[in-house]
Amino acid sequence: MATGKTFDLFRKTGIAEGISFIVLLLIAMPLKYFAGLPVAVTIVGSIHGILFIAYLVLAWEARNEPVVVKWKKPVAWMATCFIASILPFGPFVLENRLKKEQVML
């Protein structure tokens, strides 16, 4: 299985980004609106924002990674990563697809 470090880091960041988005939607936002704790959204939202940016940057870097020559993706693949990152369970679906593609390499 020929993968590079950037690709592996991209996949791990995708899982972390997906988890942070779910925590933001299902825990932090209800705490803000139903328990009056806006600090929950501030903290989780900041973490999610950092992970979101890291996810997109690593997607670009993994796409161009020279170690994974067979895995070279078109620029349109970035749109798929972006759409996956703004859907609540999108990163997990994309991760499942990437895992299958990685096995085929």
N, C-alpha and C. Protein backbone atom coordinates (compact mmCIF):
# COMPACT_ATOMS: atom_id res chain seq x y z
N MET A 1 0.85 -1.17 0.00
CA MET A 1 0.00 0.00 0.00
C MET A 1 0.90 1.24 0.00
N ALA A 2 0.90 1.92 -1.13
CA ALA A 2 1.78 3.08 -1.28
C ALA A 2 1.03 4.36 -0.94
N THR A 3 1.24 4.86 0.24
CA THR A 3 0.63 6.14 0.62
C THR A 3 1.69 7.03 1.24
N GLY A 4 1.43 8.29 1.20
CA GLY A 4 2.36 9.25 1.79
C GLY A 4 1.86 9.74 3.13
N LYS A 5 2.72 10.42 3.82
CA LYS A 5 2.38 10.94 5.14
C LYS A 5 1.29 12.00 5.06
N THR A 6 1.32 12.82 4.01
CA THR A 6 0.32 13.87 3.87
C THR A 6 -1.06 13.27 3.68
N PHE A 7 -1.14 12.22 2.87
CA PHE A 7 -2.42 11.56 2.63
C PHE A 7 -2.98 10.98 3.92
N ASP A 8 -2.14 10.32 4.69
CA ASP A 8 -2.58 9.76 5.98
C ASP A 8 -3.03 10.87 6.94
N LEU A 9 -2.27 11.95 6.97
CA LEU A 9 -2.64 13.08 7.83
C LEU A 9 -3.95 13.71 7.37
N PHE A 10 -4.15 13.78 6.07
CA PHE A 10 -5.41 14.29 5.52
C PHE A 10 -6.58 13.43 5.98
N ARG A 11 -6.44 12.12 5.92
CA ARG A 11 -7.53 11.23 6.34
C ARG A 11 -7.82 11.38 7.83
N LYS A 12 -6.79 11.48 8.65
CA LYS A 12 -6.99 11.64 10.10
C LYS A 12 -7.61 12.99 10.43
N THR A 13 -7.18 14.02 9.72
CA THR A 13 -7.75 15.35 9.93
C THR A 13 -9.22 15.37 9.51
N GLY A 14 -9.55 14.63 8.47
CA GLY A 14 -10.95 14.53 8.03
C GLY A 14 -11.84 13.94 9.10
N ILE A 15 -11.37 12.91 9.76
CA ILE A 15 -12.13 12.31 10.86
C ILE A 15 -12.29 13.31 12.01
N ALA A 16 -11.20 13.98 12.37
CA ALA A 16 -11.26 14.97 13.46
C ALA A 16 -12.20 16.12 13.09
N GLU A 17 -12.14 16.57 11.84
CA GLU A 17 -13.01 17.67 11.39
C GLU A 17 -14.48 17.24 11.44
N GLY A 18 -14.75 16.01 11.02
CA GLY A 18 -16.12 15.51 11.06
C GLY A 18 -16.65 15.40 12.48
N ILE A 19 -15.81 14.91 13.38
CA ILE A 19 -16.22 14.80 14.78
C ILE A 19 -16.46 16.19 15.37
N SER A 20 -15.58 17.13 15.08
CA SER A 20 -15.76 18.48 15.62
C SER A 20 -17.05 19.14 15.11
N PHE A 21 -17.40 18.86 13.87
CA PHE A 21 -18.64 19.42 13.30
C PHE A 21 -19.87 18.82 13.99
N ILE A 22 -19.84 17.51 14.22
CA ILE A 22 -20.95 16.85 14.91
C ILE A 22 -21.07 17.38 16.34
N VAL A 23 -19.94 17.53 17.02
CA VAL A 23 -19.96 18.06 18.39
C VAL A 23 -20.50 19.50 18.39
N LEU A 24 -20.10 20.28 17.41
CA LEU A 24 -20.59 21.65 17.31
C LEU A 24 -22.11 21.67 17.11
N LEU A 25 -22.61 20.83 16.22
CA LEU A 25 -24.04 20.84 15.93
C LEU A 25 -24.89 20.21 17.03
N LEU A 26 -24.42 19.10 17.59
CA LEU A 26 -25.26 18.34 18.52
C LEU A 26 -25.02 18.62 20.00
N ILE A 27 -23.89 19.23 20.33
CA ILE A 27 -23.62 19.50 21.74
C ILE A 27 -23.48 21.00 22.01
N ALA A 28 -22.57 21.65 21.28
CA ALA A 28 -22.27 23.06 21.57
C ALA A 28 -23.45 23.98 21.26
N MET A 29 -24.09 23.80 20.12
CA MET A 29 -25.20 24.70 19.78
C MET A 29 -26.40 24.51 20.71
N PRO A 30 -26.79 23.27 21.05
CA PRO A 30 -27.86 23.15 22.06
C PRO A 30 -27.48 23.76 23.41
N LEU A 31 -26.21 23.65 23.80
CA LEU A 31 -25.79 24.28 25.05
C LEU A 31 -25.94 25.80 24.97
N LYS A 32 -25.64 26.35 23.81
CA LYS A 32 -25.76 27.80 23.64
C LYS A 32 -27.22 28.24 23.71
N TYR A 33 -28.08 27.56 22.98
CA TYR A 33 -29.46 28.04 22.85
C TYR A 33 -30.39 27.55 23.95
N PHE A 34 -30.12 26.40 24.53
CA PHE A 34 -31.03 25.87 25.55
C PHE A 34 -30.51 26.02 26.98
N ALA A 35 -29.18 26.11 27.13
CA ALA A 35 -28.62 26.24 28.47
C ALA A 35 -27.96 27.60 28.69
N GLY A 36 -27.95 28.43 27.67
CA GLY A 36 -27.37 29.77 27.82
C GLY A 36 -25.87 29.78 28.00
N LEU A 37 -25.17 28.84 27.36
CA LEU A 37 -23.71 28.76 27.45
C LEU A 37 -23.07 29.02 26.08
N PRO A 38 -22.96 30.28 25.68
CA PRO A 38 -22.38 30.57 24.36
C PRO A 38 -20.89 30.25 24.26
N VAL A 39 -20.23 30.10 25.39
CA VAL A 39 -18.80 29.78 25.36
C VAL A 39 -18.55 28.41 24.72
N ALA A 40 -19.52 27.50 24.78
CA ALA A 40 -19.36 26.18 24.16
C ALA A 40 -19.18 26.31 22.66
N VAL A 41 -19.98 27.18 22.02
CA VAL A 41 -19.86 27.38 20.59
C VAL A 41 -18.56 28.10 20.26
N THR A 42 -18.15 29.00 21.11
CA THR A 42 -16.90 29.72 20.89
C THR A 42 -15.71 28.76 20.87
N ILE A 43 -15.65 27.88 21.83
CA ILE A 43 -14.53 26.94 21.94
C ILE A 43 -14.58 25.90 20.83
N VAL A 44 -15.71 25.20 20.72
CA VAL A 44 -15.82 24.13 19.72
C VAL A 44 -15.79 24.71 18.31
N GLY A 45 -16.39 25.87 18.13
CA GLY A 45 -16.38 26.52 16.81
C GLY A 45 -14.98 26.90 16.38
N SER A 46 -14.18 27.37 17.31
CA SER A 46 -12.78 27.71 16.98
C SER A 46 -11.98 26.48 16.59
N ILE A 47 -12.15 25.42 17.36
CA ILE A 47 -11.46 24.16 17.05
C ILE A 47 -11.91 23.64 15.69
N HIS A 48 -13.21 23.67 15.46
CA HIS A 48 -13.73 23.19 14.17
C HIS A 48 -13.22 24.05 13.01
N GLY A 49 -13.14 25.35 13.21
CA GLY A 49 -12.63 26.23 12.15
C GLY A 49 -11.19 25.91 11.78
N ILE A 50 -10.37 25.68 12.78
CA ILE A 50 -8.97 25.32 12.52
C ILE A 50 -8.89 23.99 11.78
N LEU A 51 -9.68 23.02 12.22
CA LEU A 51 -9.67 21.71 11.57
C LEU A 51 -10.22 21.79 10.15
N PHE A 52 -11.22 22.63 9.92
CA PHE A 52 -11.80 22.81 8.59
C PHE A 52 -10.75 23.35 7.61
N ILE A 53 -10.02 24.36 8.04
CA ILE A 53 -8.98 24.93 7.18
C ILE A 53 -7.86 23.92 6.96
N ALA A 54 -7.45 23.23 8.01
CA ALA A 54 -6.41 22.21 7.88
C ALA A 54 -6.85 21.10 6.93
N TYR A 55 -8.11 20.71 7.00
CA TYR A 55 -8.66 19.67 6.13
C TYR A 55 -8.55 20.07 4.66
N LEU A 56 -8.92 21.29 4.34
CA LEU A 56 -8.86 21.74 2.95
C LEU A 56 -7.42 21.91 2.46
N VAL A 57 -6.56 22.43 3.32
CA VAL A 57 -5.15 22.58 2.94
C VAL A 57 -4.51 21.21 2.72
N LEU A 58 -4.79 20.28 3.62
CA LEU A 58 -4.22 18.94 3.48
C LEU A 58 -4.82 18.20 2.29
N ALA A 59 -6.07 18.48 1.95
CA ALA A 59 -6.66 17.87 0.75
C ALA A 59 -5.88 18.32 -0.48
N TRP A 60 -5.55 19.61 -0.53
CA TRP A 60 -4.77 20.13 -1.66
C TRP A 60 -3.37 19.51 -1.68
N GLU A 61 -2.75 19.43 -0.53
CA GLU A 61 -1.40 18.86 -0.46
C GLU A 61 -1.40 17.36 -0.78
N ALA A 62 -2.39 16.64 -0.28
CA ALA A 62 -2.47 15.20 -0.55
C ALA A 62 -2.73 14.94 -2.03
N ARG A 63 -3.50 15.82 -2.63
CA ARG A 63 -3.79 15.70 -4.06
C ARG A 63 -2.52 15.81 -4.89
N ASN A 64 -1.59 16.61 -4.44
CA ASN A 64 -0.34 16.84 -5.16
C ASN A 64 0.83 16.03 -4.64
N GLU A 65 0.58 15.13 -3.72
CA GLU A 65 1.67 14.38 -3.10
C GLU A 65 2.35 13.46 -4.12
N PRO A 66 3.68 13.59 -4.28
CA PRO A 66 4.37 12.80 -5.30
C PRO A 66 4.46 11.31 -4.98
N VAL A 67 4.33 10.93 -3.72
CA VAL A 67 4.45 9.52 -3.34
C VAL A 67 3.30 8.71 -3.91
N VAL A 68 2.14 9.32 -3.98
CA VAL A 68 0.93 8.60 -4.42
C VAL A 68 0.64 8.98 -5.87
N VAL A 69 1.48 8.54 -6.78
CA VAL A 69 1.35 8.92 -8.18
C VAL A 69 0.05 8.41 -8.78
N LYS A 70 -0.31 7.18 -8.50
CA LYS A 70 -1.54 6.60 -9.06
C LYS A 70 -2.79 7.29 -8.50
N TRP A 71 -2.65 7.93 -7.36
CA TRP A 71 -3.80 8.51 -6.68
C TRP A 71 -4.07 9.94 -7.13
N LYS A 72 -3.28 10.47 -8.05
CA LYS A 72 -3.40 11.87 -8.48
C LYS A 72 -4.84 12.18 -8.85
N LYS A 73 -5.40 13.18 -8.20
CA LYS A 73 -6.80 13.56 -8.40
C LYS A 73 -6.89 14.87 -9.16
N PRO A 74 -7.98 15.06 -9.92
CA PRO A 74 -8.16 16.34 -10.61
C PRO A 74 -8.55 17.44 -9.61
N VAL A 75 -8.48 18.67 -10.06
CA VAL A 75 -8.82 19.80 -9.20
C VAL A 75 -10.27 19.72 -8.75
N ALA A 76 -11.14 19.14 -9.57
CA ALA A 76 -12.55 19.00 -9.20
C ALA A 76 -12.72 18.15 -7.94
N TRP A 77 -11.74 17.33 -7.64
CA TRP A 77 -11.80 16.52 -6.42
C TRP A 77 -11.83 17.41 -5.18
N MET A 78 -11.22 18.59 -5.30
CA MET A 78 -11.24 19.55 -4.19
C MET A 78 -12.67 19.98 -3.88
N ALA A 79 -13.50 20.11 -4.91
CA ALA A 79 -14.90 20.46 -4.69
C ALA A 79 -15.59 19.37 -3.89
N THR A 80 -15.27 18.12 -4.18
CA THR A 80 -15.83 17.00 -3.42
C THR A 80 -15.42 17.08 -1.96
N CYS A 81 -14.16 17.39 -1.71
CA CYS A 81 -13.67 17.52 -0.33
C CYS A 81 -14.38 18.67 0.38
N PHE A 82 -14.56 19.79 -0.33
CA PHE A 82 -15.22 20.94 0.28
C PHE A 82 -16.67 20.61 0.62
N ILE A 83 -17.38 19.99 -0.31
CA ILE A 83 -18.78 19.63 -0.06
C ILE A 83 -18.86 18.64 1.10
N ALA A 84 -17.95 17.67 1.12
CA ALA A 84 -17.94 16.71 2.22
C ALA A 84 -17.70 17.40 3.56
N SER A 85 -16.90 18.45 3.55
CA SER A 85 -16.57 19.12 4.81
C SER A 85 -17.72 19.98 5.35
N ILE A 86 -18.67 20.36 4.51
CA ILE A 86 -19.77 21.19 5.00
C ILE A 86 -21.04 20.39 5.28
N LEU A 87 -21.02 19.09 4.97
CA LEU A 87 -22.14 18.22 5.32
C LEU A 87 -21.83 17.52 6.64
N PRO A 88 -22.83 17.36 7.51
CA PRO A 88 -22.54 16.80 8.84
C PRO A 88 -21.79 15.47 8.85
N PHE A 89 -22.12 14.52 8.00
CA PHE A 89 -21.42 13.24 8.00
C PHE A 89 -20.57 13.06 6.75
N GLY A 90 -20.36 14.13 6.00
CA GLY A 90 -19.61 14.08 4.75
C GLY A 90 -18.19 13.58 4.88
N PRO A 91 -17.42 14.05 5.86
CA PRO A 91 -16.04 13.56 5.98
C PRO A 91 -15.96 12.05 6.23
N PHE A 92 -16.95 11.49 6.91
CA PHE A 92 -16.94 10.06 7.18
C PHE A 92 -17.23 9.26 5.90
N VAL A 93 -18.14 9.78 5.08
CA VAL A 93 -18.46 9.13 3.80
C VAL A 93 -17.24 9.19 2.88
N LEU A 94 -16.61 10.36 2.82
CA LEU A 94 -15.42 10.51 1.98
C LEU A 94 -14.29 9.62 2.50
N GLU A 95 -14.12 9.53 3.79
CA GLU A 95 -13.08 8.68 4.38
C GLU A 95 -13.30 7.22 3.98
N ASN A 96 -14.54 6.78 4.00
CA ASN A 96 -14.85 5.40 3.62
C ASN A 96 -14.47 5.17 2.15
N ARG A 97 -14.78 6.13 1.31
CA ARG A 97 -14.44 6.03 -0.12
C ARG A 97 -12.92 6.04 -0.33
N LEU A 98 -12.23 6.90 0.41
CA LEU A 98 -10.77 6.97 0.28
C LEU A 98 -10.10 5.69 0.75
N LYS A 99 -10.65 5.10 1.80
CA LYS A 99 -10.10 3.85 2.30
C LYS A 99 -10.19 2.76 1.24
N LYS A 100 -11.33 2.70 0.55
CA LYS A 100 -11.50 1.71 -0.52
C LYS A 100 -10.54 1.98 -1.67
N GLU A 101 -10.36 3.24 -2.04
CA GLU A 101 -9.42 3.59 -3.11
C GLU A 101 -7.99 3.28 -2.72
N GLN A 102 -7.66 3.49 -1.45
CA GLN A 102 -6.30 3.24 -0.98
C GLN A 102 -5.98 1.75 -1.05
N VAL A 103 -6.96 0.91 -0.75
CA VAL A 103 -6.75 -0.54 -0.81
C VAL A 103 -6.49 -0.97 -2.26
N MET A 104 -7.16 -0.30 -3.20
CA MET A 104 -7.00 -0.65 -4.60
C MET A 104 -5.64 -0.25 -5.16
N LEU A 105 -4.93 0.68 -4.51
CA LEU A 105 -3.61 1.08 -4.97
C LEU A 105 -2.67 -0.05 -4.74
